[in-house]
Structure formats: C-alpha cells, structure tokens
Protein backbone atom coordinates (compact mmCIF):
# COMPACT_ATOMS: atom_id res chain seq x y z
CA MET A 1 -240.03 -4.98 -97.14
CA LYS A 2 -238.05 -5.83 -93.99
CA ARG A 3 -240.45 -3.86 -91.79
CA LEU A 4 -243.51 -5.55 -93.32
CA PHE A 5 -241.89 -8.96 -92.82
CA ASP A 6 -241.06 -8.08 -89.19
CA ILE A 7 -244.68 -7.09 -88.48
CA LEU A 8 -246.31 -10.10 -90.15
CA PHE A 9 -243.86 -12.62 -88.71
CA SER A 10 -244.14 -11.12 -85.20
CA LEU A 11 -247.95 -11.20 -85.28
CA PHE A 12 -247.87 -14.82 -86.42
CA ILE A 13 -245.42 -15.86 -83.67
CA LEU A 14 -247.27 -13.95 -80.92
CA LEU A 15 -250.63 -15.48 -81.87
CA LEU A 16 -249.11 -18.95 -82.11
CA PHE A 17 -247.31 -18.53 -78.80
CA LEU A 18 -250.23 -16.94 -76.90
CA PRO A 19 -251.46 -20.09 -75.07
CA PHE A 20 -247.90 -20.96 -73.96
CA GLY A 21 -247.30 -17.34 -72.99
CA LEU A 22 -250.36 -17.37 -70.71
CA ILE A 23 -249.16 -20.57 -69.01
CA ILE A 24 -245.65 -19.15 -68.54
CA SER A 25 -247.11 -15.92 -67.14
CA ILE A 26 -249.16 -17.81 -64.53
CA LEU A 27 -246.18 -19.95 -63.50
CA ILE A 28 -243.96 -16.87 -63.12
CA LEU A 29 -246.54 -15.19 -60.87
CA LEU A 30 -247.05 -18.33 -58.79
CA GLU A 31 -243.35 -18.91 -58.16
CA SER A 32 -242.04 -15.51 -57.08
CA ARG A 33 -243.09 -11.96 -56.32
CA GLY A 34 -242.80 -9.41 -59.09
CA GLY A 35 -244.31 -8.81 -62.51
CA ILE A 36 -244.50 -11.14 -65.49
CA PHE A 37 -242.12 -9.10 -67.61
CA TYR A 38 -238.58 -7.92 -67.06
CA LYS A 39 -237.78 -4.66 -68.82
CA GLN A 40 -234.22 -3.44 -69.24
CA GLU A 41 -232.99 -0.29 -70.92
CA ARG A 42 -230.99 -1.13 -74.03
CA ILE A 43 -229.47 0.99 -76.77
CA GLY A 44 -231.14 0.80 -80.16
CA LYS A 45 -230.86 2.39 -83.59
CA ASN A 46 -229.00 5.71 -83.66
CA GLY A 47 -228.15 5.31 -79.97
CA VAL A 48 -231.75 5.77 -78.83
CA SER A 49 -232.60 3.81 -75.68
CA PHE A 50 -235.69 1.62 -75.29
CA LYS A 51 -237.08 -0.91 -72.84
CA LEU A 52 -236.31 -4.45 -74.01
CA MET A 53 -238.92 -6.94 -72.83
CA LYS A 54 -238.44 -10.48 -71.57
CA PHE A 55 -240.41 -12.89 -69.45
CA ARG A 56 -239.02 -12.47 -65.94
CA SER A 57 -236.73 -15.42 -65.25
CA MET A 58 -234.99 -14.07 -62.15
CA ARG A 59 -236.03 -12.88 -58.75
CA THR A 60 -237.03 -9.23 -58.43
CA ASP A 61 -234.11 -6.75 -58.44
CA ALA A 62 -231.65 -9.51 -59.46
CA ASP A 63 -229.90 -7.13 -61.88
CA LYS A 64 -228.70 -5.04 -58.94
CA SER A 65 -226.10 -7.73 -58.29
CA GLY A 66 -224.87 -7.77 -61.90
CA LYS A 67 -226.21 -7.45 -65.46
CA LEU A 68 -224.52 -10.62 -66.75
CA THR A 69 -226.07 -14.02 -66.17
CA VAL A 70 -223.37 -16.46 -65.12
CA GLY A 71 -224.42 -20.01 -65.93
CA MET A 72 -227.86 -21.58 -65.95
CA ARG A 73 -227.45 -22.33 -62.25
CA ASP A 74 -227.15 -18.66 -61.33
CA ALA A 75 -228.80 -18.52 -57.90
CA ARG A 76 -230.94 -15.56 -59.02
CA ILE A 77 -232.78 -17.66 -61.63
CA THR A 78 -236.16 -19.09 -60.62
CA ARG A 79 -237.23 -22.66 -61.44
CA ILE A 80 -239.56 -21.56 -64.23
CA GLY A 81 -236.81 -19.13 -65.25
CA TYR A 82 -234.39 -22.01 -65.73
CA PHE A 83 -236.87 -23.75 -68.05
CA ILE A 84 -237.76 -20.72 -70.18
CA ARG A 85 -234.10 -19.69 -70.49
CA LYS A 86 -233.10 -23.18 -71.61
CA PHE A 87 -235.49 -22.97 -74.57
CA LYS A 88 -235.12 -19.18 -75.07
CA LEU A 89 -238.82 -18.73 -74.27
CA ASP A 90 -237.96 -15.71 -72.11
CA GLU A 91 -237.09 -13.83 -75.32
CA PHE A 92 -240.56 -14.07 -76.92
CA PRO A 93 -241.95 -10.77 -75.54
CA GLN A 94 -239.34 -9.04 -77.73
CA PHE A 95 -241.70 -9.62 -80.65
CA ILE A 96 -243.72 -6.83 -78.98
CA ASN A 97 -240.61 -4.63 -79.24
CA VAL A 98 -240.55 -5.51 -82.94
CA LEU A 99 -244.19 -4.49 -83.43
CA LYS A 100 -243.47 -1.20 -81.65
CA GLY A 101 -240.68 -0.54 -84.17
CA GLU A 102 -237.90 -0.61 -81.57
CA MET A 103 -236.37 -3.83 -82.85
CA SER A 104 -236.23 -6.07 -85.89
CA ILE A 105 -236.37 -9.85 -85.86
CA VAL A 106 -232.83 -10.09 -87.22
CA GLY A 107 -230.16 -7.57 -86.33
CA PRO A 108 -227.34 -6.93 -83.84
CA ARG A 109 -228.39 -7.75 -80.28
CA PRO A 110 -228.85 -4.52 -78.28
CA ASP A 111 -226.52 -3.89 -75.36
CA VAL A 112 -226.81 -1.79 -72.21
CA GLN A 113 -225.34 1.71 -72.20
CA GLU A 114 -222.26 0.84 -70.15
CA TYR A 115 -221.11 -1.67 -72.78
CA VAL A 116 -222.04 0.53 -75.74
CA ASP A 117 -219.84 3.23 -74.22
CA LEU A 118 -216.89 0.87 -74.77
CA TYR A 119 -217.52 0.47 -78.53
CA SER A 120 -214.91 1.81 -80.93
CA GLU A 121 -215.97 4.24 -83.68
CA GLU A 122 -216.03 1.34 -86.14
CA GLU A 123 -218.07 -0.86 -83.81
CA ARG A 124 -220.63 1.92 -83.28
CA LYS A 125 -221.67 1.48 -86.93
CA ILE A 126 -223.95 -1.34 -85.79
CA LEU A 127 -226.13 1.34 -84.19
CA LYS A 128 -227.12 2.49 -87.70
CA VAL A 129 -229.60 -0.39 -87.91
CA LYS A 130 -232.36 -1.62 -85.62
CA PRO A 131 -231.24 -4.18 -83.06
CA GLY A 132 -232.64 -7.67 -83.43
CA ILE A 133 -233.93 -10.67 -81.51
CA THR A 134 -231.39 -12.90 -83.20
CA ASP A 135 -228.21 -12.62 -85.26
CA TYR A 136 -224.98 -14.47 -86.01
CA ALA A 137 -223.63 -13.56 -82.56
CA SER A 138 -226.69 -15.09 -80.88
CA LEU A 139 -226.03 -18.33 -82.74
CA GLU A 140 -222.29 -18.36 -82.06
CA TYR A 141 -222.75 -17.52 -78.37
CA PHE A 142 -225.95 -19.49 -77.78
CA GLU A 143 -224.49 -20.76 -74.49
CA GLU A 144 -222.91 -17.45 -73.49
CA SER A 145 -223.92 -17.66 -69.82
CA GLU A 146 -222.25 -21.07 -69.56
CA LEU A 147 -219.03 -19.66 -71.02
CA LEU A 148 -219.12 -16.86 -68.48
CA ALA A 149 -219.70 -19.36 -65.68
CA LYS A 150 -216.32 -20.94 -66.47
CA SER A 151 -214.51 -17.62 -66.15
CA SER A 152 -212.86 -16.41 -62.96
CA ASN A 153 -213.84 -12.86 -64.01
CA PRO A 154 -217.04 -12.98 -66.13
CA GLU A 155 -217.24 -9.20 -66.60
CA GLU A 156 -213.70 -9.02 -67.95
CA THR A 157 -214.24 -12.06 -70.16
CA TYR A 158 -217.35 -10.49 -71.66
CA ILE A 159 -215.75 -7.09 -72.30
CA LYS A 160 -212.38 -8.29 -73.59
CA GLU A 161 -213.31 -11.51 -75.42
CA ILE A 162 -217.00 -12.10 -76.05
CA MET A 163 -218.19 -8.56 -76.83
CA PRO A 164 -215.49 -7.84 -79.48
CA ALA A 165 -216.14 -11.21 -81.15
CA LYS A 166 -219.89 -10.56 -81.22
CA LEU A 167 -219.38 -7.10 -82.69
CA LYS A 168 -217.30 -8.61 -85.53
CA LEU A 169 -220.13 -11.04 -86.26
CA ASN A 170 -222.56 -8.10 -86.28
CA GLN A 171 -220.41 -6.38 -88.89
CA LYS A 172 -220.60 -9.56 -90.99
CA TYR A 173 -224.39 -9.21 -90.97
CA LEU A 174 -224.21 -5.51 -91.87
CA ALA A 175 -222.19 -6.40 -94.96
CA ASN A 176 -225.20 -8.26 -96.42
CA PRO A 177 -228.50 -7.09 -94.84
CA SER A 178 -231.10 -8.76 -97.05
CA LEU A 179 -234.46 -10.43 -96.41
CA GLY A 180 -233.04 -13.73 -97.66
CA HIS A 181 -230.19 -13.38 -95.21
CA ASP A 182 -232.69 -12.69 -92.39
CA ILE A 183 -234.74 -15.79 -93.22
CA LYS A 184 -231.57 -17.91 -93.16
CA ILE A 185 -230.65 -16.61 -89.68
CA ILE A 186 -234.22 -17.19 -88.41
CA PHE A 187 -234.09 -20.77 -89.73
CA LEU A 188 -230.70 -21.41 -88.09
CA THR A 189 -231.96 -19.93 -84.81
CA ALA A 190 -235.06 -22.16 -84.82
CA LYS A 191 -232.87 -25.22 -85.45
CA ARG A 192 -230.60 -24.28 -82.57
CA ILE A 193 -233.47 -23.70 -80.14
CA LEU A 194 -235.13 -26.98 -81.09
CA HIS A 195 -231.75 -28.79 -80.96
CA LEU A 196 -232.22 -30.13 -84.50
C-alpha cells in the first residue's frame, strides 16, 4: 500500500509541478554554468547507495568545499538557488527517486557515506527502510543550515548535536510506520513549507 501511495502521489506532484519545474530549470541554466540537476550519492535501504536528485542551487563543484550548507547566505548558493531553497523547491526532483523505488515520500532522510559510517549499531536500524523526502527530523530541523551558520564549527555541531537528534526522531517514525502516519507528516511538511 505504501509503495502504491508513493507512486500515485509522486506522479500527481510531478505533473502539477511540471510548469514550475520548467521555469526553474531555465532560470538555473541562465544564471550559472552546469546542469539543471545536482546528484549526490546517498545511502539508502540496506546500505545501498543511490544518486539523490535536487535542482542545482549552488555553483558547479560547490560540494568540493564542504557537504554541509551553512546558512542561506552561503556564498556558493546562486540567486535562483536562494529562492528555491527557501521554499524547498530544490527537493522536488526527489519524487523521481521515489518513482525509481530508491526513496519513499516519508522516511528517514538519507545521509552521505561518511556520516552513515558514524552511526551506532542501533542507529543503523533506520537503514532497514527506504529513505524519504520528509520525516520528523526534516520538520524539526527545517532551518538546519541557519543553525549551522551560527556555529563556530558547523561540521562538529552537525555530527555531535544535530545528527544524533535527527536519528532519534527517525527511530520515533520507525516505531509507527503506517500510511496514516505518513499522510500526517506530509500534511505537516506542506504547512511548514507554505508557512501556514
């Protein structure tokens, strides 16, 4: 049932979003060199890696100077990138990841290998389910990049404070993985994005 819901909901969102996606794609290409999409290797279900898709919001090769985004005024972010990040529009291509079966709409956010390597045995249990576009941790840390911008050592803050807290929230989701629960998280995410 969850897989069927993921497919139908993703198709609906992608079709609804298509005109806006085309406009965003053109603006990305006009502003800076590079492709429309940014693809990053993340760790999915059972520890299998996949390429997570986003609209490119940074200059080409920006991740070579760090994987964490520190504040919305990170110098690597383009002007259109600032706008699409503010409203989480950069995340919409992940519905393609959902259709491909690599992700679910709701589930623990996938991390890069270097952070997954730091998980405890208990924390690695989140890898038993498909990663998601949104979850409780996404809601709680909606302004994560702004929190990191206030830190004198963003990498340390993420590893020692934010990541453990997010993993605990992921475990909360795993304790009750139902379709009703997913719909509730989707609704709360939409409210947060729309600032309702």
